[in-house]
Amino acid sequence: GGGGSAPSRPPAAPRRGPSGAELLEPVGLDAKLKVASSPADADLDRLASQLEKWGGSGGAAPPQQQQQQQPAKPNEPQRLCMRSDGRKKIHTTFPDGSEMVEEFDERTDVLLLRKVRKSATLGSKEPEWVFEVGQAPEAAFDPHADLLRASSSNPIFMRKDTPEHFQWRIRNLPYPADVYSVTVDHEKQEIVVRTSNKKYFKRIQVPDLARLGLAMQDNALTWKH
């Protein structure tokens, strides 16, 4: 025959004090309080590792600004990457000790800055950074120590690439377009900008092409005023 289920026991009435308020007793609290289950061990390990990294850096840098260093390999460049101020920054140290710093727009991946410097030799002064892309920050003028100050009307030269082209900009050149000549010096593999009134002359190198062993082509050079 079919078995019947025993009727459920009604819950015990809560105990109340003389004022009629419910008493909180140790008995039965586990039924009233729900304890959240603990995370998996793997999650705890990851959390502990992350906290340890933050603690080692003083806790100042959030995850998106922390530095990430790729595993070093013999005879290969070592790269240190970080994100800050909307830019992705990559510091590369080559086996010969030379360095390169690149900064990309985090949203568009456009190269905003590239600077390089050679390795320092024993007993010599540390080499200065050479800016290939972007502009070096201007040093603040100290009226007590500096004798001369560059004029704000001087020509300003800077490189500002696009995803498709190498691009240079020269500002504060007030001459008409027919004064300028922009050509390729194939022997030195440089772009030459000159004016017929002999007020401006500039040679432009393209180290990106030199690293790849590519030659400049006349039909790839354009300019506009």
Protein backbone atom coordinates (compact mmCIF):
# COMPACT_ATOMS: atom_id res chain seq x y z
CA GLY A 1 0.00 0.00 0.00
CA GLY A 2 0.99 3.60 -0.44
CA GLY A 3 2.80 5.21 2.43
CA GLY A 4 1.58 8.49 3.82
CA SER A 5 3.72 11.43 4.85
CA ALA A 6 3.76 12.57 8.45
CA PRO A 7 2.21 15.95 9.05
CA SER A 8 4.80 18.74 9.41
CA ARG A 9 5.34 20.15 12.85
CA PRO A 10 4.18 23.73 13.17
CA PRO A 11 6.98 26.18 13.93
CA ALA A 12 7.54 26.85 17.58
CA ALA A 13 6.09 30.07 18.83
CA PRO A 14 8.73 32.70 19.53
CA ARG A 15 9.44 33.40 23.17
CA ARG A 16 8.44 36.83 24.33
CA GLY A 17 9.38 38.93 27.30
CA PRO A 18 7.09 40.70 29.79
CA SER A 19 6.76 43.63 27.37
CA GLY A 20 5.60 41.32 24.59
CA ALA A 21 8.77 41.79 22.47
CA GLU A 22 10.37 38.72 20.89
CA LEU A 23 13.42 37.47 22.75
CA LEU A 24 16.65 36.80 20.84
CA GLU A 25 17.98 33.51 22.14
CA PRO A 26 21.07 31.58 20.98
CA VAL A 27 18.83 28.59 20.29
CA GLY A 28 17.52 28.64 16.73
CA LEU A 29 19.62 31.56 15.50
CA ASP A 30 21.14 29.38 12.78
CA ALA A 31 17.66 29.04 11.33
CA LYS A 32 17.19 32.79 11.31
CA LEU A 33 20.62 33.82 10.04
CA LYS A 34 21.84 32.72 6.62
CA VAL A 35 25.62 32.41 6.35
CA ALA A 36 27.01 33.12 2.86
CA SER A 37 29.15 30.37 1.40
CA SER A 38 32.86 31.13 1.14
CA PRO A 39 34.44 31.66 -2.32
CA ALA A 40 36.46 28.97 -3.97
CA ASP A 41 40.08 28.54 -2.99
CA ALA A 42 41.21 29.69 -6.45
CA ASP A 43 39.35 32.98 -6.04
CA LEU A 44 40.92 33.49 -2.63
CA ASP A 45 44.38 32.83 -4.08
CA ARG A 46 43.83 35.34 -6.86
CA LEU A 47 42.55 37.93 -4.40
CA ALA A 48 45.49 37.40 -2.07
CA SER A 49 47.94 37.68 -4.97
CA GLN A 50 46.34 40.92 -6.15
CA LEU A 51 46.37 42.42 -2.65
CA GLU A 52 50.02 41.46 -2.29
CA LYS A 53 50.85 43.31 -5.54
CA TRP A 54 48.98 46.41 -4.41
CA GLY A 55 50.67 46.28 -1.05
CA GLY A 56 54.10 46.07 -2.65
CA SER A 57 53.41 49.20 -4.71
CA GLY A 58 52.11 51.14 -1.74
CA GLY A 59 48.49 50.63 -2.72
CA ALA A 60 48.56 53.79 -4.84
CA ALA A 61 48.05 52.42 -8.34
CA PRO A 62 44.76 50.85 -9.41
CA PRO A 63 44.88 47.70 -11.57
CA GLN A 64 44.68 49.58 -14.89
CA GLN A 65 47.76 51.66 -13.99
CA GLN A 66 49.94 48.86 -12.67
CA GLN A 67 53.04 47.93 -14.58
CA GLN A 68 53.21 44.65 -16.42
CA GLN A 69 56.61 43.28 -17.33
CA GLN A 70 56.96 40.57 -19.90
CA PRO A 71 59.16 37.58 -19.04
CA ALA A 72 62.76 38.32 -19.97
CA LYS A 73 64.45 36.17 -22.62
CA PRO A 74 68.15 36.13 -23.48
CA ASN A 75 69.15 38.39 -26.40
CA GLU A 76 65.63 39.79 -26.74
CA PRO A 77 64.30 43.26 -25.83
CA GLN A 78 62.62 43.61 -22.45
CA ARG A 79 59.36 45.57 -22.39
CA LEU A 80 57.62 47.19 -19.45
CA CYS A 81 53.99 48.20 -20.10
CA MET A 82 51.58 50.39 -18.19
CA ARG A 83 48.41 52.44 -18.66
CA SER A 84 48.12 55.99 -17.37
CA ASP A 85 46.27 59.20 -18.26
CA GLY A 86 44.49 57.58 -21.20
CA ARG A 87 47.74 56.34 -22.73
CA LYS A 88 49.39 52.96 -23.15
CA LYS A 89 53.09 53.34 -22.37
CA ILE A 90 55.76 50.84 -23.41
CA HIS A 91 59.36 51.09 -22.21
CA THR A 92 61.70 48.85 -24.23
CA THR A 93 65.27 48.06 -23.19
CA PHE A 94 67.37 46.44 -25.91
CA PRO A 95 70.23 43.96 -25.30
CA ASP A 96 72.84 46.66 -26.06
CA GLY A 97 71.40 48.86 -23.29
CA SER A 98 69.66 51.36 -25.56
CA GLU A 99 66.09 52.32 -24.67
CA MET A 100 62.86 53.32 -26.39
CA VAL A 101 59.66 54.72 -24.88
CA GLU A 102 56.41 54.74 -26.85
CA GLU A 103 53.02 56.13 -25.88
CA PHE A 104 49.79 55.23 -27.68
CA ASP A 105 46.31 56.67 -27.38
CA GLU A 106 44.39 54.08 -25.37
CA ARG A 107 41.23 54.59 -27.43
CA THR A 108 42.57 54.91 -31.01
CA ASP A 109 46.00 53.19 -30.70
CA VAL A 110 47.59 56.18 -32.51
CA LEU A 111 51.28 56.63 -31.68
CA LEU A 112 51.57 59.89 -29.72
CA LEU A 113 55.18 59.83 -28.61
CA ARG A 114 58.37 57.92 -29.24
CA LYS A 115 61.73 58.76 -27.75
CA VAL A 116 64.99 56.82 -27.86
CA ARG A 117 68.40 57.04 -26.27
CA LYS A 118 71.63 55.14 -26.63
CA SER A 119 73.24 53.14 -23.86
CA ALA A 120 75.60 54.99 -21.55
CA THR A 121 79.25 54.10 -21.73
CA LEU A 122 81.39 53.68 -18.63
CA GLY A 123 82.40 57.03 -17.18
CA SER A 124 80.35 59.08 -19.65
CA LYS A 125 77.34 61.28 -19.09
CA GLU A 126 73.93 59.65 -19.49
CA PRO A 127 72.73 60.19 -23.09
CA GLU A 128 69.79 62.49 -23.67
CA TRP A 129 66.46 61.32 -25.07
CA VAL A 130 65.91 61.89 -28.79
CA PHE A 131 62.26 62.47 -29.68
CA GLU A 132 61.26 60.74 -32.92
CA VAL A 133 57.51 61.27 -32.54
CA GLY A 134 55.84 64.00 -30.53
CA GLN A 135 57.49 66.98 -28.90
CA ALA A 136 59.86 67.22 -25.98
CA PRO A 137 58.43 69.09 -22.99
CA GLU A 138 59.66 72.66 -22.80
CA ALA A 139 61.88 73.44 -19.85
CA ALA A 140 60.57 76.19 -17.62
CA PHE A 141 62.48 79.45 -18.00
CA ASP A 142 64.46 80.41 -14.91
CA PRO A 143 65.15 84.17 -14.97
CA HIS A 144 67.90 83.76 -12.37
CA ALA A 145 69.85 81.00 -14.14
CA ASP A 146 68.94 81.26 -17.85
CA LEU A 147 70.50 84.01 -19.94
CA LEU A 148 68.46 83.46 -23.11
CA ARG A 149 64.94 82.36 -23.84
CA ALA A 150 63.70 80.93 -27.12
CA SER A 151 61.33 83.19 -28.97
CA SER A 152 57.72 82.04 -29.23
CA SER A 153 57.78 83.04 -32.90
CA ASN A 154 60.53 80.57 -33.84
CA PRO A 155 59.54 77.69 -36.15
CA ILE A 156 58.21 74.68 -34.25
CA PHE A 157 58.92 71.26 -35.77
CA MET A 158 57.26 68.07 -34.57
CA ARG A 159 56.27 64.67 -35.87
CA LYS A 160 52.68 63.55 -35.46
CA ASP A 161 51.86 60.34 -37.35
CA THR A 162 48.49 59.03 -38.45
CA PRO A 163 47.62 55.32 -38.72
CA GLU A 164 48.33 55.49 -42.48
CA HIS A 165 51.16 58.02 -42.85
CA PHE A 166 54.32 59.43 -41.37
CA GLN A 167 53.51 63.08 -40.78
CA TRP A 168 55.46 66.16 -39.74
CA ARG A 169 54.22 69.62 -38.86
CA ILE A 170 56.16 72.89 -39.00
CA ARG A 171 54.53 75.92 -37.41
CA ASN A 172 55.41 79.61 -37.38
CA LEU A 173 56.54 79.72 -41.00
CA PRO A 174 54.72 82.74 -42.44
CA TYR A 175 55.94 82.51 -46.04
CA PRO A 176 53.72 81.78 -49.08
CA ALA A 177 53.54 78.25 -50.49
CA ASP A 178 55.61 79.00 -53.61
CA VAL A 179 58.64 79.73 -51.41
CA TYR A 180 58.90 76.16 -50.11
CA SER A 181 60.63 73.16 -51.65
CA VAL A 182 60.15 69.65 -50.21
CA THR A 183 62.28 66.90 -51.77
CA VAL A 184 63.92 63.54 -51.02
CA ASP A 185 67.69 63.25 -50.67
CA HIS A 186 68.11 59.66 -51.85
CA GLU A 187 71.80 59.50 -51.01
CA LYS A 188 71.27 60.37 -47.33
CA GLN A 189 67.70 59.02 -47.22
CA GLU A 190 66.32 62.22 -45.75
CA ILE A 191 63.49 64.62 -46.54
CA VAL A 192 64.73 68.17 -47.19
CA VAL A 193 62.58 71.24 -46.55
CA ARG A 194 63.99 74.57 -47.74
CA THR A 195 62.77 78.03 -48.68
CA SER A 196 63.93 80.05 -51.68
CA ASN A 197 64.45 83.10 -49.46
CA LYS A 198 66.90 81.03 -47.37
CA LYS A 199 64.96 81.68 -44.17
CA TYR A 200 64.39 78.02 -43.29
CA PHE A 201 66.20 74.73 -43.93
CA LYS A 202 65.43 71.35 -42.35
CA ARG A 203 66.52 67.77 -42.90
CA ILE A 204 64.06 65.11 -41.72
CA GLN A 205 65.10 61.56 -40.98
CA VAL A 206 62.71 58.59 -40.88
CA PRO A 207 64.31 56.05 -38.51
CA ASP A 208 61.32 53.72 -38.94
CA LEU A 209 62.26 53.11 -42.58
CA ALA A 210 65.96 52.84 -41.73
CA ARG A 211 65.28 50.09 -39.18
CA LEU A 212 63.41 48.10 -41.81
CA GLY A 213 65.92 48.81 -44.58
CA LEU A 214 63.30 50.55 -46.75
CA ALA A 215 64.18 53.39 -49.13
CA MET A 216 62.22 56.60 -49.53
CA GLN A 217 60.22 57.11 -52.71
CA ASP A 218 59.45 60.41 -54.41
CA ASN A 219 55.89 59.46 -55.28
CA ALA A 220 55.11 58.70 -51.61
CA LEU A 221 56.00 62.25 -50.49
CA THR A 222 53.29 64.91 -50.36
CA TRP A 223 52.98 68.24 -48.54
CA LYS A 224 50.50 71.03 -48.14
CA HIS A 225 50.67 74.59 -46.95
